[in-house]
Amino acid sequence: MARYTGPQCKLCRREGLKLYLKGDRCYSTKCAIDRRSYPPGQHGQSRRKVSEYGLQLREKQKTRRIYGVLEKQFRGYFDKAERQQGITGENLLRLLERRLDNVVYRLGLAASRVEARQLVRHGHFMVNGRKVNIPSFLVKVGDVIAVREKSKESPRIKELMERASEKTPPAWLEYESDQAQGRVVSLPKRDEIDAPVQEHLIVELYSR
């Protein structure tokens, strides 16, 4: 399955804000954007006048990078959001939030979406009692996402389970620490999605 394999910190620097792609490192003094807050590359420190199209493009790229989605797949999500009833931008974010790797991250069972993707790919989670190893799997209201029994013996999974018990998931999710499982109680509303995204710019970009 295609995925980005380059330097994660370079993505944060390019977008000019923390995307929290490397988990604990993003909260430490080693965070690249705290040390070099300008874009990477030879012309990173030069001043540029950004066009309207440039703003829209950057917003799309930032959103893709936050959720770890490549261009073709992201366009597929947008087309699906456009066909649904309601506001296209909000529909898009709702689809991205419902990805299994994102839900695992939101429940606190991974330090970053990158780690969540890896854990899902390695088969550490079940949805409604069945193992699912597809990060892009879309959860529905009522779905139960649980850590597999065999995986609970892993030192890293144990550490993440302890962290998850101390965190509060977003309102559209609930977490049962005694069973290491979460449940989708509703579809996420826009005010329950804390991603720093101006989704209307993405809609304007694709509407050109």
C-alpha atoms as a PDB file:
ATOM      1  CA  MET A   1       0.000   0.000   0.000  1.00  0.00           C
ATOM      2  CA  ALA A   2       1.395   3.405  -0.985  1.00  0.00           C
ATOM      3  CA  ARG A   3       2.425   5.738   1.796  1.00  0.00           C
ATOM      4  CA  TYR A   4       4.821   8.615   2.456  1.00  0.00           C
ATOM      5  CA  THR A   5       8.189   7.351   3.672  1.00  0.00           C
ATOM      6  CA  GLY A   6      10.206  10.584   3.774  1.00  0.00           C
ATOM      7  CA  PRO A   7      11.196  12.740   6.781  1.00  0.00           C
ATOM      8  CA  GLN A   8       8.146  13.535   8.927  1.00  0.00           C
ATOM      9  CA  CYS A   9       9.585  16.695  10.500  1.00  0.00           C
ATOM     10  CA  LYS A  10      10.102  18.226   7.056  1.00  0.00           C
ATOM     11  CA  LEU A  11       6.325  18.115   6.515  1.00  0.00           C
ATOM     12  CA  CYS A  12       5.672  20.131   9.679  1.00  0.00           C
ATOM     13  CA  ARG A  13       8.254  22.711   8.678  1.00  0.00           C
ATOM     14  CA  ARG A  14       6.742  23.010   5.203  1.00  0.00           C
ATOM     15  CA  GLU A  15       3.276  23.700   6.629  1.00  0.00           C
ATOM     16  CA  GLY A  16       4.573  26.044   9.323  1.00  0.00           C
ATOM     17  CA  LEU A  17       2.955  24.319  12.306  1.00  0.00           C
ATOM     18  CA  LYS A  18       3.151  21.139  14.329  1.00  0.00           C
ATOM     19  CA  LEU A  19       1.265  18.274  12.709  1.00  0.00           C
ATOM     20  CA  TYR A  20       2.211  15.895  15.562  1.00  0.00           C
ATOM     21  CA  LEU A  21       3.453  13.217  13.188  1.00  0.00           C
ATOM     22  CA  LYS A  22       6.165  11.849  15.477  1.00  0.00           C
ATOM     23  CA  GLY A  23       4.301  11.483  18.768  1.00  0.00           C
ATOM     24  CA  ASP A  24       6.359  12.254  21.876  1.00  0.00           C
ATOM     25  CA  ARG A  25       9.156  13.938  19.906  1.00  0.00           C
ATOM     26  CA  CYS A  26       6.735  16.707  18.900  1.00  0.00           C
ATOM     27  CA  TYR A  27       6.358  17.677  22.574  1.00  0.00           C
ATOM     28  CA  SER A  28      10.097  17.677  23.284  1.00  0.00           C
ATOM     29  CA  THR A  29      12.881  20.171  22.639  1.00  0.00           C
ATOM     30  CA  LYS A  30      13.930  18.031  19.651  1.00  0.00           C
ATOM     31  CA  CYS A  31      10.912  19.161  17.647  1.00  0.00           C
ATOM     32  CA  ALA A  32      12.225  20.449  14.316  1.00  0.00           C
ATOM     33  CA  ILE A  33       9.703  23.271  13.950  1.00  0.00           C
ATOM     34  CA  ASP A  34      10.741  24.723  17.323  1.00  0.00           C
ATOM     35  CA  ARG A  35      14.362  24.722  16.222  1.00  0.00           C
ATOM     36  CA  ARG A  36      13.849  25.777  12.577  1.00  0.00           C
ATOM     37  CA  SER A  37      10.434  27.311  12.063  1.00  0.00           C
ATOM     38  CA  TYR A  38      11.022  28.200   8.404  1.00  0.00           C
ATOM     39  CA  PRO A  39      10.213  25.887   5.445  1.00  0.00           C
ATOM     40  CA  PRO A  40      12.901  23.377   4.393  1.00  0.00           C
ATOM     41  CA  GLY A  41      15.053  23.803   1.332  1.00  0.00           C
ATOM     42  CA  GLN A  42      17.358  26.373  -0.211  1.00  0.00           C
ATOM     43  CA  HIS A  43      14.717  29.125  -0.348  1.00  0.00           C
ATOM     44  CA  GLY A  44      13.007  28.309   2.934  1.00  0.00           C
ATOM     45  CA  GLN A  45      13.897  31.604   4.616  1.00  0.00           C
ATOM     46  CA  SER A  46      13.030  33.848   1.689  1.00  0.00           C
ATOM     47  CA  ARG A  47       9.848  35.893   1.779  1.00  0.00           C
ATOM     48  CA  ARG A  48       7.204  35.015  -0.759  1.00  0.00           C
ATOM     49  CA  LYS A  49       3.861  36.527  -1.586  1.00  0.00           C
ATOM     50  CA  VAL A  50       1.333  33.685  -1.456  1.00  0.00           C
ATOM     51  CA  SER A  51      -1.487  33.705  -3.999  1.00  0.00           C
ATOM     52  CA  GLU A  52      -5.067  32.659  -3.351  1.00  0.00           C
ATOM     53  CA  TYR A  53      -4.376  29.396  -5.147  1.00  0.00           C
ATOM     54  CA  GLY A  54      -1.260  28.926  -3.017  1.00  0.00           C
ATOM     55  CA  LEU A  55      -3.276  29.281   0.188  1.00  0.00           C
ATOM     56  CA  GLN A  56      -5.828  26.748  -1.020  1.00  0.00           C
ATOM     57  CA  LEU A  57      -3.121  24.306  -2.087  1.00  0.00           C
ATOM     58  CA  ARG A  58      -1.285  24.581   1.219  1.00  0.00           C
ATOM     59  CA  GLU A  59      -4.516  23.898   3.128  1.00  0.00           C
ATOM     60  CA  LYS A  60      -5.139  20.767   1.082  1.00  0.00           C
ATOM     61  CA  GLN A  61      -1.563  19.571   1.505  1.00  0.00           C
ATOM     62  CA  LYS A  62      -1.659  20.239   5.237  1.00  0.00           C
ATOM     63  CA  THR A  63      -4.874  18.238   5.640  1.00  0.00           C
ATOM     64  CA  ARG A  64      -3.468  15.329   3.636  1.00  0.00           C
ATOM     65  CA  ARG A  65      -0.369  15.276   5.790  1.00  0.00           C
ATOM     66  CA  ILE A  66      -2.248  15.483   9.078  1.00  0.00           C
ATOM     67  CA  TYR A  67      -4.240  12.367   8.222  1.00  0.00           C
ATOM     68  CA  GLY A  68      -1.473  10.583   6.291  1.00  0.00           C
ATOM     69  CA  VAL A  69      -3.396  10.316   3.018  1.00  0.00           C
ATOM     70  CA  LEU A  70      -1.886  10.461  -0.461  1.00  0.00           C
ATOM     71  CA  GLU A  71      -3.305  12.597  -3.266  1.00  0.00           C
ATOM     72  CA  LYS A  72      -5.382  10.030  -5.162  1.00  0.00           C
ATOM     73  CA  GLN A  73      -7.007   8.718  -2.002  1.00  0.00           C
ATOM     74  CA  PHE A  74      -7.662  12.234  -0.715  1.00  0.00           C
ATOM     75  CA  ARG A  75      -9.405  13.156  -3.966  1.00  0.00           C
ATOM     76  CA  GLY A  76     -11.534  10.041  -3.556  1.00  0.00           C
ATOM     77  CA  TYR A  77     -12.606  11.198  -0.106  1.00  0.00           C
ATOM     78  CA  PHE A  78     -13.493  14.620  -1.510  1.00  0.00           C
ATOM     79  CA  ASP A  79     -15.590  13.151  -4.316  1.00  0.00           C
ATOM     80  CA  LYS A  80     -17.421  10.985  -1.794  1.00  0.00           C
ATOM     81  CA  ALA A  81     -17.978  13.978   0.516  1.00  0.00           C
ATOM     82  CA  GLU A  82     -19.329  16.009  -2.393  1.00  0.00           C
ATOM     83  CA  ARG A  83     -21.944  13.337  -3.149  1.00  0.00           C
ATOM     84  CA  GLN A  84     -23.202  13.270   0.445  1.00  0.00           C
ATOM     85  CA  GLN A  85     -25.851  15.589   1.833  1.00  0.00           C
ATOM     86  CA  GLY A  86     -24.646  18.515   3.918  1.00  0.00           C
ATOM     87  CA  ILE A  87     -21.589  20.751   3.766  1.00  0.00           C
ATOM     88  CA  THR A  88     -18.879  19.231   1.592  1.00  0.00           C
ATOM     89  CA  GLY A  89     -15.954  20.424   3.711  1.00  0.00           C
ATOM     90  CA  GLU A  90     -17.424  19.044   6.918  1.00  0.00           C
ATOM     91  CA  ASN A  91     -18.304  15.791   5.185  1.00  0.00           C
ATOM     92  CA  LEU A  92     -14.667  15.502   4.088  1.00  0.00           C
ATOM     93  CA  LEU A  93     -13.310  15.962   7.610  1.00  0.00           C
ATOM     94  CA  ARG A  94     -15.895  13.531   8.965  1.00  0.00           C
ATOM     95  CA  LEU A  95     -14.729  10.855   6.526  1.00  0.00           C
ATOM     96  CA  LEU A  96     -11.083  11.412   7.441  1.00  0.00           C
ATOM     97  CA  GLU A  97     -11.883  11.260  11.163  1.00  0.00           C
ATOM     98  CA  ARG A  98     -13.664   7.932  10.695  1.00  0.00           C
ATOM     99  CA  ARG A  99     -10.537   6.201   9.370  1.00  0.00           C
ATOM    100  CA  LEU A 100      -9.524   3.374  11.691  1.00  0.00           C
ATOM    101  CA  ASP A 101      -5.969   4.657  12.155  1.00  0.00           C
ATOM    102  CA  ASN A 102      -7.323   8.066  13.167  1.00  0.00           C
ATOM    103  CA  VAL A 103      -9.832   6.517  15.594  1.00  0.00           C
ATOM    104  CA  VAL A 104      -7.049   4.486  17.237  1.00  0.00           C
ATOM    105  CA  TYR A 105      -5.057   7.722  17.610  1.00  0.00           C
ATOM    106  CA  ARG A 106      -8.060   9.643  18.959  1.00  0.00           C
ATOM    107  CA  LEU A 107      -8.674   6.925  21.564  1.00  0.00           C
ATOM    108  CA  GLY A 108      -5.108   7.419  22.799  1.00  0.00           C
ATOM    109  CA  LEU A 109      -3.969   3.932  21.735  1.00  0.00           C
ATOM    110  CA  ALA A 110      -1.161   5.399  19.606  1.00  0.00           C
ATOM    111  CA  ALA A 111       1.148   8.373  20.091  1.00  0.00           C
ATOM    112  CA  SER A 112       0.626   9.575  16.505  1.00  0.00           C
ATOM    113  CA  ARG A 113      -1.396   8.698  13.429  1.00  0.00           C
ATOM    114  CA  VAL A 114       1.778   7.277  11.889  1.00  0.00           C
ATOM    115  CA  GLU A 115       2.138   4.853  14.796  1.00  0.00           C
ATOM    116  CA  ALA A 116      -1.601   4.108  14.697  1.00  0.00           C
ATOM    117  CA  ARG A 117      -1.315   3.192  11.021  1.00  0.00           C
ATOM    118  CA  GLN A 118       1.570   0.835  11.764  1.00  0.00           C
ATOM    119  CA  LEU A 119      -0.244  -0.839  14.671  1.00  0.00           C
ATOM    120  CA  VAL A 120      -3.360  -1.350  12.570  1.00  0.00           C
ATOM    121  CA  ARG A 121      -1.316  -2.785   9.691  1.00  0.00           C
ATOM    122  CA  HIS A 122       0.291  -5.242  12.102  1.00  0.00           C
ATOM    123  CA  GLY A 123      -3.127  -6.520  13.166  1.00  0.00           C
ATOM    124  CA  HIS A 124      -3.239  -5.318  16.778  1.00  0.00           C
ATOM    125  CA  PHE A 125      -6.874  -4.152  16.637  1.00  0.00           C
ATOM    126  CA  MET A 126     -10.301  -5.639  16.117  1.00  0.00           C
ATOM    127  CA  VAL A 127     -13.522  -3.996  14.983  1.00  0.00           C
ATOM    128  CA  ASN A 128     -16.661  -5.681  16.289  1.00  0.00           C
ATOM    129  CA  GLY A 129     -14.656  -8.765  17.234  1.00  0.00           C
ATOM    130  CA  ARG A 130     -12.930  -9.207  13.859  1.00  0.00           C
ATOM    131  CA  LYS A 131      -9.303  -8.346  13.125  1.00  0.00           C
ATOM    132  CA  VAL A 132      -8.975  -5.402  10.749  1.00  0.00           C
ATOM    133  CA  ASN A 133      -5.560  -4.447   9.355  1.00  0.00           C
ATOM    134  CA  ILE A 134      -6.676  -1.754   6.906  1.00  0.00           C
ATOM    135  CA  PRO A 135      -5.857   1.775   8.200  1.00  0.00           C
ATOM    136  CA  SER A 136      -8.408   3.386   5.858  1.00  0.00           C
ATOM    137  CA  PHE A 137     -11.278   1.226   7.149  1.00  0.00           C
ATOM    138  CA  LEU A 138     -14.207   3.572   7.907  1.00  0.00           C
ATOM    139  CA  VAL A 139     -15.882   2.961  11.259  1.00  0.00           C
ATOM    140  CA  LYS A 140     -19.618   3.469  11.786  1.00  0.00           C
ATOM    141  CA  VAL A 141     -21.753   4.483  14.748  1.00  0.00           C
ATOM    142  CA  GLY A 142     -21.906   1.566  17.180  1.00  0.00           C
ATOM    143  CA  ASP A 143     -18.614  -0.019  16.079  1.00  0.00           C
ATOM    144  CA  VAL A 144     -16.364  -1.299  18.866  1.00  0.00           C
ATOM    145  CA  ILE A 145     -12.603  -0.951  18.384  1.00  0.00           C
ATOM    146  CA  ALA A 146     -10.599  -3.167  20.725  1.00  0.00           C
ATOM    147  CA  VAL A 147      -6.999  -4.237  21.287  1.00  0.00           C
ATOM    148  CA  ARG A 148      -6.509  -7.925  20.451  1.00  0.00           C
ATOM    149  CA  GLU A 149      -5.903 -10.161  23.475  1.00  0.00           C
ATOM    150  CA  LYS A 150      -2.521 -11.370  22.162  1.00  0.00           C
ATOM    151  CA  SER A 151      -1.412  -7.784  21.582  1.00  0.00           C
ATOM    152  CA  LYS A 152      -2.057  -6.806  25.199  1.00  0.00           C
ATOM    153  CA  GLU A 153       1.156  -8.632  26.168  1.00  0.00           C
ATOM    154  CA  SER A 154       3.273  -6.287  24.040  1.00  0.00           C
ATOM    155  CA  PRO A 155       5.239  -3.777  26.202  1.00  0.00           C
ATOM    156  CA  ARG A 156       4.455  -0.914  23.803  1.00  0.00           C
ATOM    157  CA  ILE A 157       0.747  -1.754  23.693  1.00  0.00           C
ATOM    158  CA  LYS A 158       0.674  -1.941  27.505  1.00  0.00           C
ATOM    159  CA  GLU A 159       2.264   1.509  27.721  1.00  0.00           C
ATOM    160  CA  LEU A 160      -0.261   2.933  25.238  1.00  0.00           C
ATOM    161  CA  MET A 161      -3.188   1.352  27.115  1.00  0.00           C
ATOM    162  CA  GLU A 162      -2.032   3.042  30.321  1.00  0.00           C
ATOM    163  CA  ARG A 163      -1.787   6.392  28.536  1.00  0.00           C
ATOM    164  CA  ALA A 164      -5.226   5.959  26.978  1.00  0.00           C
ATOM    165  CA  SER A 165      -6.802   5.400  30.403  1.00  0.00           C
ATOM    166  CA  GLU A 166      -5.560   8.859  31.455  1.00  0.00           C
ATOM    167  CA  LYS A 167      -6.824  10.692  28.365  1.00  0.00           C
ATOM    168  CA  THR A 168     -10.288  11.916  27.424  1.00  0.00           C
ATOM    169  CA  PRO A 169     -11.301  11.015  23.865  1.00  0.00           C
ATOM    170  CA  PRO A 170     -13.434  13.392  21.743  1.00  0.00           C
ATOM    171  CA  ALA A 171     -17.171  13.445  22.445  1.00  0.00           C
ATOM    172  CA  TRP A 172     -18.032  11.174  19.524  1.00  0.00           C
ATOM    173  CA  LEU A 173     -15.936   8.366  21.015  1.00  0.00           C
ATOM    174  CA  GLU A 174     -15.909   6.637  24.374  1.00  0.00           C
ATOM    175  CA  TYR A 175     -13.144   4.488  25.842  1.00  0.00           C
ATOM    176  CA  GLU A 176     -13.400   1.631  28.340  1.00  0.00           C
ATOM    177  CA  SER A 177      -9.971   1.320  29.942  1.00  0.00           C
ATOM    178  CA  ASP A 178     -10.735  -1.944  31.774  1.00  0.00           C
ATOM    179  CA  GLN A 179     -11.347  -3.707  28.451  1.00  0.00           C
ATOM    180  CA  ALA A 180      -9.011  -1.610  26.302  1.00  0.00           C
ATOM    181  CA  GLN A 181     -11.720  -0.853  23.799  1.00  0.00           C
ATOM    182  CA  GLY A 182     -13.494   2.159  22.380  1.00  0.00           C
ATOM    183  CA  ARG A 183     -16.884   2.712  20.843  1.00  0.00           C
ATOM    184  CA  VAL A 184     -18.142   5.115  18.174  1.00  0.00           C
ATOM    185  CA  VAL A 185     -21.152   6.752  19.831  1.00  0.00           C
ATOM    186  CA  SER A 186     -21.926   9.264  17.062  1.00  0.00           C
ATOM    187  CA  LEU A 187     -20.534  10.773  13.894  1.00  0.00           C
ATOM    188  CA  PRO A 188     -18.091  13.601  14.637  1.00  0.00           C
ATOM    189  CA  LYS A 189     -19.462  17.131  14.459  1.00  0.00           C
ATOM    190  CA  ARG A 190     -17.298  19.981  13.164  1.00  0.00           C
ATOM    191  CA  ASP A 191     -16.757  21.479  16.618  1.00  0.00           C
ATOM    192  CA  GLU A 192     -15.564  18.058  17.856  1.00  0.00           C
ATOM    193  CA  ILE A 193     -12.779  17.901  15.255  1.00  0.00           C
ATOM    194  CA  ASP A 194      -9.753  19.822  16.506  1.00  0.00           C
ATOM    195  CA  ALA A 195      -7.691  19.558  13.309  1.00  0.00           C
ATOM    196  CA  PRO A 196      -6.350  23.043  12.369  1.00  0.00           C
ATOM    197  CA  VAL A 197      -7.995  22.971   8.946  1.00  0.00           C
ATOM    198  CA  GLN A 198      -9.959  25.560   6.953  1.00  0.00           C
ATOM    199  CA  GLU A 199     -11.898  23.059   4.901  1.00  0.00           C
ATOM    200  CA  HIS A 200     -13.636  25.707   2.766  1.00  0.00           C
ATOM    201  CA  LEU A 201     -10.277  26.442   1.088  1.00  0.00           C
ATOM    202  CA  ILE A 202     -10.050  22.806  -0.003  1.00  0.00           C
ATOM    203  CA  VAL A 203     -13.548  22.965  -1.465  1.00  0.00           C
ATOM    204  CA  GLU A 204     -12.615  26.165  -3.331  1.00  0.00           C
ATOM    205  CA  LEU A 205      -9.461  24.497  -4.681  1.00  0.00           C
ATOM    206  CA  TYR A 206     -11.286  21.496  -6.079  1.00  0.00           C
ATOM    207  CA  SER A 207     -14.060  23.719  -7.432  1.00  0.00           C
ATOM    208  CA  ARG A 208     -11.693  25.584  -9.757  1.00  0.00           C
END
